[in-house]
Amino acid sequence: MKKIGLLIVIGFFTLQGHAQTKNFIDQAFLETEAEVDTLVIPDKIYLTIILNEEDSRNRASTEQLESTMHRVLTSLNIDVENNLSLLDFNSDFKKYFISKQKILKSKMYSLIVYDAVKAGKALAGLEQENIANVSVSKTEYSKSKQLLLKLKSKAILKAKLNAESMMAPLNQNIGKAIFISDLNSISNQLQGKVAGIQIRGISSVYGNQASEPIMSNFRKIKFSAKVNVKFAIE
């Protein structure tokens, strides 16, 4: 009896699920997709700075280059204590053996700045002090999650407008949304890739008179959201 009762319960839920699916399929609905996107200026920029004695025009020591780097960044009101960190520090420094008598040292730093203008000033200031091996490794937008939520809302509203426009020639109205799917919500924030520019000698790119790089070379970050919505037809 227990076995028969179990089969009856399973059969009931199977029929109920089938009925719900059938009701959804039999209901008149309109299906539409909508996508929205936007571009934003990154507010977190990661710079990689390599201090290499071999790159220095006057063959300044790594220690001298470090001191110069700190002076330049501090003059721009950059918090070097919290925003500058050493990336490559193998056995106190990386050694390049040029000869038995001479050793050239190299250090790699990561610097975080919070706007493109300050990033450009840092690039230009370091270049003027003969620290030219600087690149942009990554960009981020701090409010990306909130922005994607807003874009999803806009995409749903756009889907509703699409549906209303499609039903207007038929003199019919759409009802409530009976199905919503988040198809694709992405951004092209660069993770470990060059973000638009890589500077190695700013003066060679912009000329000797350039005091700052052209800020348009920092690519904006693209965010997009795409939804699929099914509306009941009244």
C-alpha atoms as a PDB file:
ATOM      1  CA  MET A   1       0.000   0.000   0.000  1.00  0.00           C
ATOM      2  CA  LYS A   2       2.821   2.368   0.817  1.00  0.00           C
ATOM      3  CA  LYS A   3       4.363   1.718  -2.582  1.00  0.00           C
ATOM      4  CA  ILE A   4       1.063   2.387  -4.357  1.00  0.00           C
ATOM      5  CA  GLY A   5       0.588   5.594  -2.335  1.00  0.00           C
ATOM      6  CA  LEU A   6       4.068   6.800  -3.296  1.00  0.00           C
ATOM      7  CA  LEU A   7       3.374   6.180  -6.973  1.00  0.00           C
ATOM      8  CA  ILE A   8       0.133   8.150  -6.737  1.00  0.00           C
ATOM      9  CA  VAL A   9       1.948  11.137  -5.145  1.00  0.00           C
ATOM     10  CA  ILE A  10       4.679  11.074  -7.802  1.00  0.00           C
ATOM     11  CA  GLY A  11       2.065  10.843 -10.526  1.00  0.00           C
ATOM     12  CA  PHE A  12       0.171  13.803  -9.052  1.00  0.00           C
ATOM     13  CA  PHE A  13       3.245  16.087  -9.048  1.00  0.00           C
ATOM     14  CA  THR A  14       4.189  14.955 -12.552  1.00  0.00           C
ATOM     15  CA  LEU A  15       0.724  15.796 -13.867  1.00  0.00           C
ATOM     16  CA  GLN A  16       0.728  19.107 -11.963  1.00  0.00           C
ATOM     17  CA  GLY A  17       4.101  20.113 -13.448  1.00  0.00           C
ATOM     18  CA  HIS A  18       2.907  19.091 -16.927  1.00  0.00           C
ATOM     19  CA  ALA A  19      -0.270  21.126 -16.496  1.00  0.00           C
ATOM     20  CA  GLN A  20       1.670  24.211 -15.416  1.00  0.00           C
ATOM     21  CA  THR A  21       3.970  23.891 -18.442  1.00  0.00           C
ATOM     22  CA  LYS A  22       1.023  23.403 -20.751  1.00  0.00           C
ATOM     23  CA  ASN A  23      -0.787  26.408 -19.292  1.00  0.00           C
ATOM     24  CA  PHE A  24       2.274  28.556 -19.872  1.00  0.00           C
ATOM     25  CA  ILE A  25       2.666  27.359 -23.464  1.00  0.00           C
ATOM     26  CA  ASP A  26      -1.053  27.766 -24.227  1.00  0.00           C
ATOM     27  CA  GLN A  27      -1.115  31.320 -22.862  1.00  0.00           C
ATOM     28  CA  ALA A  28      -0.803  33.992 -25.515  1.00  0.00           C
ATOM     29  CA  PHE A  29       2.423  35.897 -24.998  1.00  0.00           C
ATOM     30  CA  LEU A  30       4.917  38.080 -26.802  1.00  0.00           C
ATOM     31  CA  GLU A  31       8.641  37.439 -26.432  1.00  0.00           C
ATOM     32  CA  THR A  32      11.247  40.144 -26.935  1.00  0.00           C
ATOM     33  CA  GLU A  33      14.902  40.820 -26.166  1.00  0.00           C
ATOM     34  CA  ALA A  34      16.549  44.124 -25.335  1.00  0.00           C
ATOM     35  CA  GLU A  35      20.121  45.227 -24.729  1.00  0.00           C
ATOM     36  CA  VAL A  36      21.574  48.457 -23.363  1.00  0.00           C
ATOM     37  CA  ASP A  37      25.153  49.539 -22.809  1.00  0.00           C
ATOM     38  CA  THR A  38      27.211  52.478 -21.630  1.00  0.00           C
ATOM     39  CA  LEU A  39      30.804  53.671 -21.375  1.00  0.00           C
ATOM     40  CA  VAL A  40      32.348  54.920 -18.139  1.00  0.00           C
ATOM     41  CA  ILE A  41      35.684  56.450 -17.249  1.00  0.00           C
ATOM     42  CA  PRO A  42      37.737  54.106 -15.038  1.00  0.00           C
ATOM     43  CA  ASP A  43      38.205  55.334 -11.491  1.00  0.00           C
ATOM     44  CA  LYS A  44      40.874  52.803 -10.495  1.00  0.00           C
ATOM     45  CA  ILE A  45      43.963  52.563 -12.684  1.00  0.00           C
ATOM     46  CA  TYR A  46      46.876  50.219 -12.058  1.00  0.00           C
ATOM     47  CA  LEU A  47      50.299  51.325 -13.295  1.00  0.00           C
ATOM     48  CA  THR A  48      53.329  49.041 -13.434  1.00  0.00           C
ATOM     49  CA  ILE A  49      56.626  50.860 -12.885  1.00  0.00           C
ATOM     50  CA  ILE A  50      59.929  49.123 -13.600  1.00  0.00           C
ATOM     51  CA  LEU A  51      63.074  50.675 -12.187  1.00  0.00           C
ATOM     52  CA  ASN A  52      66.050  49.380 -14.119  1.00  0.00           C
ATOM     53  CA  GLU A  53      69.569  50.737 -13.837  1.00  0.00           C
ATOM     54  CA  GLU A  54      70.228  49.701 -17.418  1.00  0.00           C
ATOM     55  CA  ASP A  55      67.310  51.838 -18.671  1.00  0.00           C
ATOM     56  CA  SER A  56      68.493  54.934 -16.814  1.00  0.00           C
ATOM     57  CA  ARG A  57      70.146  57.481 -19.104  1.00  0.00           C
ATOM     58  CA  ASN A  58      72.605  58.520 -16.434  1.00  0.00           C
ATOM     59  CA  ARG A  59      72.914  54.978 -15.066  1.00  0.00           C
ATOM     60  CA  ALA A  60      71.362  56.038 -11.764  1.00  0.00           C
ATOM     61  CA  SER A  61      71.247  53.346  -9.115  1.00  0.00           C
ATOM     62  CA  THR A  62      68.007  51.570  -8.268  1.00  0.00           C
ATOM     63  CA  GLU A  63      68.017  53.332  -4.921  1.00  0.00           C
ATOM     64  CA  GLN A  64      68.291  56.720  -6.626  1.00  0.00           C
ATOM     65  CA  LEU A  65      65.485  55.819  -9.025  1.00  0.00           C
ATOM     66  CA  GLU A  66      63.310  54.753  -6.093  1.00  0.00           C
ATOM     67  CA  SER A  67      63.932  58.026  -4.321  1.00  0.00           C
ATOM     68  CA  THR A  68      63.085  59.985  -7.470  1.00  0.00           C
ATOM     69  CA  MET A  69      59.921  57.943  -8.032  1.00  0.00           C
ATOM     70  CA  HIS A  70      58.728  58.589  -4.471  1.00  0.00           C
ATOM     71  CA  ARG A  71      59.440  62.310  -4.835  1.00  0.00           C
ATOM     72  CA  VAL A  72      57.476  62.570  -8.103  1.00  0.00           C
ATOM     73  CA  LEU A  73      54.482  60.637  -6.796  1.00  0.00           C
ATOM     74  CA  THR A  74      54.417  62.480  -3.479  1.00  0.00           C
ATOM     75  CA  SER A  75      54.448  65.821  -5.325  1.00  0.00           C
ATOM     76  CA  LEU A  76      51.235  64.690  -7.051  1.00  0.00           C
ATOM     77  CA  ASN A  77      49.609  63.972  -3.661  1.00  0.00           C
ATOM     78  CA  ILE A  78      49.635  60.234  -4.328  1.00  0.00           C
ATOM     79  CA  ASP A  79      49.584  58.125  -1.171  1.00  0.00           C
ATOM     80  CA  VAL A  80      52.689  56.018  -1.812  1.00  0.00           C
ATOM     81  CA  GLU A  81      52.364  54.369   1.587  1.00  0.00           C
ATOM     82  CA  ASN A  82      49.088  52.659   0.669  1.00  0.00           C
ATOM     83  CA  ASN A  83      48.923  52.803  -3.133  1.00  0.00           C
ATOM     84  CA  LEU A  84      52.456  51.796  -4.106  1.00  0.00           C
ATOM     85  CA  SER A  85      53.620  48.204  -3.654  1.00  0.00           C
ATOM     86  CA  LEU A  86      56.609  46.162  -4.724  1.00  0.00           C
ATOM     87  CA  LEU A  87      55.779  43.395  -7.198  1.00  0.00           C
ATOM     88  CA  ASP A  88      59.113  41.772  -7.976  1.00  0.00           C
ATOM     89  CA  PHE A  89      61.530  41.656  -5.076  1.00  0.00           C
ATOM     90  CA  ASN A  90      63.472  38.433  -5.411  1.00  0.00           C
ATOM     91  CA  SER A  91      66.282  38.247  -2.835  1.00  0.00           C
ATOM     92  CA  ASP A  92      66.052  41.998  -2.136  1.00  0.00           C
ATOM     93  CA  PHE A  93      66.428  42.852  -5.833  1.00  0.00           C
ATOM     94  CA  LYS A  94      66.611  41.259  -9.243  1.00  0.00           C
ATOM     95  CA  LYS A  95      70.189  41.143 -10.513  1.00  0.00           C
ATOM     96  CA  TYR A  96      71.342  41.448 -14.069  1.00  0.00           C
ATOM     97  CA  PHE A  97      74.935  40.258 -14.440  1.00  0.00           C
ATOM     98  CA  ILE A  98      76.603  42.342 -17.128  1.00  0.00           C
ATOM     99  CA  SER A  99      80.118  41.367 -16.186  1.00  0.00           C
ATOM    100  CA  LYS A 100      81.989  39.995 -13.212  1.00  0.00           C
ATOM    101  CA  GLN A 101      82.590  43.495 -11.946  1.00  0.00           C
ATOM    102  CA  LYS A 102      79.162  45.034 -12.653  1.00  0.00           C
ATOM    103  CA  ILE A 103      75.675  44.141 -11.478  1.00  0.00           C
ATOM    104  CA  LEU A 104      72.583  46.036 -12.628  1.00  0.00           C
ATOM    105  CA  LYS A 105      69.494  45.859 -10.432  1.00  0.00           C
ATOM    106  CA  SER A 106      65.801  46.087 -11.289  1.00  0.00           C
ATOM    107  CA  LYS A 107      62.619  46.480  -9.253  1.00  0.00           C
ATOM    108  CA  MET A 108      58.974  46.383 -10.289  1.00  0.00           C
ATOM    109  CA  TYR A 109      56.225  48.371  -8.567  1.00  0.00           C
ATOM    110  CA  SER A 110      52.456  48.521  -8.837  1.00  0.00           C
ATOM    111  CA  LEU A 111      50.800  51.913  -8.373  1.00  0.00           C
ATOM    112  CA  ILE A 112      47.061  52.537  -7.981  1.00  0.00           C
ATOM    113  CA  VAL A 113      45.590  55.925  -8.924  1.00  0.00           C
ATOM    114  CA  TYR A 114      41.933  56.858  -8.872  1.00  0.00           C
ATOM    115  CA  ASP A 115      41.453  59.001 -11.971  1.00  0.00           C
ATOM    116  CA  ALA A 116      42.861  59.212 -15.482  1.00  0.00           C
ATOM    117  CA  VAL A 117      44.165  62.759 -15.047  1.00  0.00           C
ATOM    118  CA  LYS A 118      46.347  61.822 -12.093  1.00  0.00           C
ATOM    119  CA  ALA A 119      47.512  58.695 -13.921  1.00  0.00           C
ATOM    120  CA  GLY A 120      48.581  60.866 -16.837  1.00  0.00           C
ATOM    121  CA  LYS A 121      50.431  63.266 -14.561  1.00  0.00           C
ATOM    122  CA  ALA A 122      52.224  60.348 -12.921  1.00  0.00           C
ATOM    123  CA  LEU A 123      53.270  58.984 -16.307  1.00  0.00           C
ATOM    124  CA  ALA A 124      54.499  62.389 -17.459  1.00  0.00           C
ATOM    125  CA  GLY A 125      56.276  63.202 -14.193  1.00  0.00           C
ATOM    126  CA  LEU A 126      58.127  59.895 -14.144  1.00  0.00           C
ATOM    127  CA  GLU A 127      59.104  60.295 -17.798  1.00  0.00           C
ATOM    128  CA  GLN A 128      60.589  63.714 -17.116  1.00  0.00           C
ATOM    129  CA  GLU A 129      62.772  62.104 -14.454  1.00  0.00           C
ATOM    130  CA  ASN A 130      63.955  59.430 -16.920  1.00  0.00           C
ATOM    131  CA  ILE A 131      61.719  56.719 -15.467  1.00  0.00           C
ATOM    132  CA  ALA A 132      60.055  55.716 -18.708  1.00  0.00           C
ATOM    133  CA  ASN A 133      59.320  52.006 -18.312  1.00  0.00           C
ATOM    134  CA  VAL A 134      55.759  52.511 -17.117  1.00  0.00           C
ATOM    135  CA  SER A 135      52.612  50.782 -18.375  1.00  0.00           C
ATOM    136  CA  VAL A 136      48.908  50.575 -17.561  1.00  0.00           C
ATOM    137  CA  SER A 137      48.194  46.990 -16.487  1.00  0.00           C
ATOM    138  CA  LYS A 138      44.532  47.134 -15.467  1.00  0.00           C
ATOM    139  CA  THR A 139      41.550  49.471 -15.147  1.00  0.00           C
ATOM    140  CA  GLU A 140      38.437  49.126 -13.005  1.00  0.00           C
ATOM    141  CA  TYR A 141      35.207  50.960 -12.216  1.00  0.00           C
ATOM    142  CA  SER A 142      34.407  50.814  -8.499  1.00  0.00           C
ATOM    143  CA  LYS A 143      30.604  50.969  -8.895  1.00  0.00           C
ATOM    144  CA  SER A 144      30.349  48.264 -11.549  1.00  0.00           C
ATOM    145  CA  LYS A 145      27.790  46.126  -9.676  1.00  0.00           C
ATOM    146  CA  GLN A 146      25.423  49.042  -9.134  1.00  0.00           C
ATOM    147  CA  LEU A 147      25.821  50.124 -12.752  1.00  0.00           C
ATOM    148  CA  LEU A 148      24.969  46.656 -14.089  1.00  0.00           C
ATOM    149  CA  LEU A 149      21.802  46.578 -11.972  1.00  0.00           C
ATOM    150  CA  LYS A 150      20.714  49.919 -13.437  1.00  0.00           C
ATOM    151  CA  LEU A 151      21.424  48.678 -16.953  1.00  0.00           C
ATOM    152  CA  LYS A 152      19.307  45.566 -16.364  1.00  0.00           C
ATOM    153  CA  SER A 153      16.406  47.764 -15.255  1.00  0.00           C
ATOM    154  CA  LYS A 154      16.796  49.905 -18.371  1.00  0.00           C
ATOM    155  CA  ALA A 155      16.950  46.788 -20.551  1.00  0.00           C
ATOM    156  CA  ILE A 156      13.647  45.513 -19.101  1.00  0.00           C
ATOM    157  CA  LEU A 157      11.988  48.893 -19.708  1.00  0.00           C
ATOM    158  CA  LYS A 158      13.323  48.829 -23.265  1.00  0.00           C
ATOM    159  CA  ALA A 159      11.893  45.339 -23.730  1.00  0.00           C
ATOM    160  CA  LYS A 160       8.497  46.596 -22.546  1.00  0.00           C
ATOM    161  CA  LEU A 161       8.605  49.509 -25.021  1.00  0.00           C
ATOM    162  CA  ASN A 162       9.523  47.068 -27.794  1.00  0.00           C
ATOM    163  CA  ALA A 163       6.581  44.858 -26.892  1.00  0.00           C
ATOM    164  CA  GLU A 164       4.140  47.782 -26.763  1.00  0.00           C
ATOM    165  CA  SER A 165       5.357  48.998 -30.171  1.00  0.00           C
ATOM    166  CA  MET A 166       4.881  45.551 -31.670  1.00  0.00           C
ATOM    167  CA  MET A 167       1.345  45.197 -30.317  1.00  0.00           C
ATOM    168  CA  ALA A 168       0.168  48.706 -31.258  1.00  0.00           C
ATOM    169  CA  PRO A 169      -0.633  47.877 -34.944  1.00  0.00           C
ATOM    170  CA  LEU A 170      -2.782  44.985 -33.722  1.00  0.00           C
ATOM    171  CA  ASN A 171      -4.767  47.179 -31.309  1.00  0.00           C
ATOM    172  CA  GLN A 172      -3.859  44.800 -28.504  1.00  0.00           C
ATOM    173  CA  ASN A 173      -2.197  45.392 -25.183  1.00  0.00           C
ATOM    174  CA  ILE A 174       0.535  43.557 -23.345  1.00  0.00           C
ATOM    175  CA  GLY A 175      -0.066  42.344 -19.825  1.00  0.00           C
ATOM    176  CA  LYS A 176       2.300  41.488 -17.017  1.00  0.00           C
ATOM    177  CA  ALA A 177       5.710  39.954 -17.592  1.00  0.00           C
ATOM    178  CA  ILE A 178       5.416  36.174 -17.173  1.00  0.00           C
ATOM    179  CA  PHE A 179       9.082  35.337 -17.779  1.00  0.00           C
ATOM    180  CA  ILE A 180      12.343  37.312 -17.465  1.00  0.00           C
ATOM    181  CA  SER A 181      15.829  35.996 -18.218  1.00  0.00           C
ATOM    182  CA  ASP A 182      19.139  37.773 -17.684  1.00  0.00           C
ATOM    183  CA  LEU A 183      20.923  36.759 -20.876  1.00  0.00           C
ATOM    184  CA  ASN A 184      24.189  38.592 -20.595  1.00  0.00           C
ATOM    185  CA  SER A 185      25.537  41.259 -18.264  1.00  0.00           C
ATOM    186  CA  ILE A 186      29.183  41.986 -18.845  1.00  0.00           C
ATOM    187  CA  SER A 187      31.892  44.603 -18.755  1.00  0.00           C
ATOM    188  CA  ASN A 188      35.259  44.829 -20.468  1.00  0.00           C
ATOM    189  CA  GLN A 189      37.200  45.824 -17.390  1.00  0.00           C
ATOM    190  CA  LEU A 190      40.715  44.765 -18.203  1.00  0.00           C
ATOM    191  CA  GLN A 191      42.226  42.158 -15.943  1.00  0.00           C
ATOM    192  CA  GLY A 192      45.989  42.020 -16.370  1.00  0.00           C
ATOM    193  CA  LYS A 193      45.903  43.546 -19.845  1.00  0.00           C
ATOM    194  CA  VAL A 194      47.079  46.870 -21.209  1.00  0.00           C
ATOM    195  CA  ALA A 195      44.265  49.392 -20.921  1.00  0.00           C
ATOM    196  CA  GLY A 196      44.515  51.480 -24.042  1.00  0.00           C
ATOM    197  CA  ILE A 197      48.103  52.667 -23.703  1.00  0.00           C
ATOM    198  CA  GLN A 198      51.516  51.470 -22.757  1.00  0.00           C
ATOM    199  CA  ILE A 199      54.018  54.259 -22.207  1.00  0.00           C
ATOM    200  CA  ARG A 200      57.730  53.704 -22.655  1.00  0.00           C
ATOM    201  CA  GLY A 201      59.123  57.122 -23.315  1.00  0.00           C
ATOM    202  CA  ILE A 202      56.251  59.610 -23.434  1.00  0.00           C
ATOM    203  CA  SER A 203      58.368  62.231 -25.166  1.00  0.00           C
ATOM    204  CA  SER A 204      58.993  59.848 -28.055  1.00  0.00           C
ATOM    205  CA  VAL A 205      55.250  59.557 -28.595  1.00  0.00           C
ATOM    206  CA  TYR A 206      54.056  63.095 -27.932  1.00  0.00           C
ATOM    207  CA  GLY A 207      57.190  65.104 -28.622  1.00  0.00           C
ATOM    208  CA  ASN A 208      59.665  66.721 -26.294  1.00  0.00           C
ATOM    209  CA  GLN A 209      57.289  69.565 -25.438  1.00  0.00           C
ATOM    210  CA  ALA A 210      54.608  67.266 -24.044  1.00  0.00           C
ATOM    211  CA  SER A 211      54.232  67.590 -20.297  1.00  0.00           C
ATOM    212  CA  GLU A 212      51.285  65.176 -20.009  1.00  0.00           C
ATOM    213  CA  PRO A 213      50.021  62.293 -22.159  1.00  0.00           C
ATOM    214  CA  ILE A 214      46.787  62.724 -24.088  1.00  0.00           C
ATOM    215  CA  MET A 215      44.113  61.477 -21.696  1.00  0.00           C
ATOM    216  CA  SER A 216      41.797  60.171 -24.442  1.00  0.00           C
ATOM    217  CA  ASN A 217      44.207  57.270 -24.801  1.00  0.00           C
ATOM    218  CA  PHE A 218      42.720  55.781 -21.639  1.00  0.00           C
ATOM    219  CA  ARG A 219      39.928  53.586 -22.943  1.00  0.00           C
ATOM    220  CA  LYS A 220      36.548  53.900 -21.305  1.00  0.00           C
ATOM    221  CA  ILE A 221      35.076  50.738 -19.836  1.00  0.00           C
ATOM    222  CA  LYS A 222      32.025  49.318 -21.591  1.00  0.00           C
ATOM    223  CA  PHE A 223      29.186  47.773 -19.590  1.00  0.00           C
ATOM    224  CA  SER A 224      26.197  46.052 -21.176  1.00  0.00           C
ATOM    225  CA  ALA A 225      23.088  44.157 -20.071  1.00  0.00           C
ATOM    226  CA  LYS A 226      20.758  41.998 -22.168  1.00  0.00           C
ATOM    227  CA  VAL A 227      17.422  40.493 -21.120  1.00  0.00           C
ATOM    228  CA  ASN A 228      14.737  38.258 -22.572  1.00  0.00           C
ATOM    229  CA  VAL A 229      11.159  39.000 -21.464  1.00  0.00           C
ATOM    230  CA  LYS A 230       7.842  37.308 -22.207  1.00  0.00           C
ATOM    231  CA  PHE A 231       4.733  39.449 -21.786  1.00  0.00           C
ATOM    232  CA  ALA A 232       1.208  38.106 -21.615  1.00  0.00           C
ATOM    233  CA  ILE A 233      -1.078  39.385 -24.366  1.00  0.00           C
ATOM    234  CA  GLU A 234      -4.382  40.759 -23.088  1.00  0.00           C
END
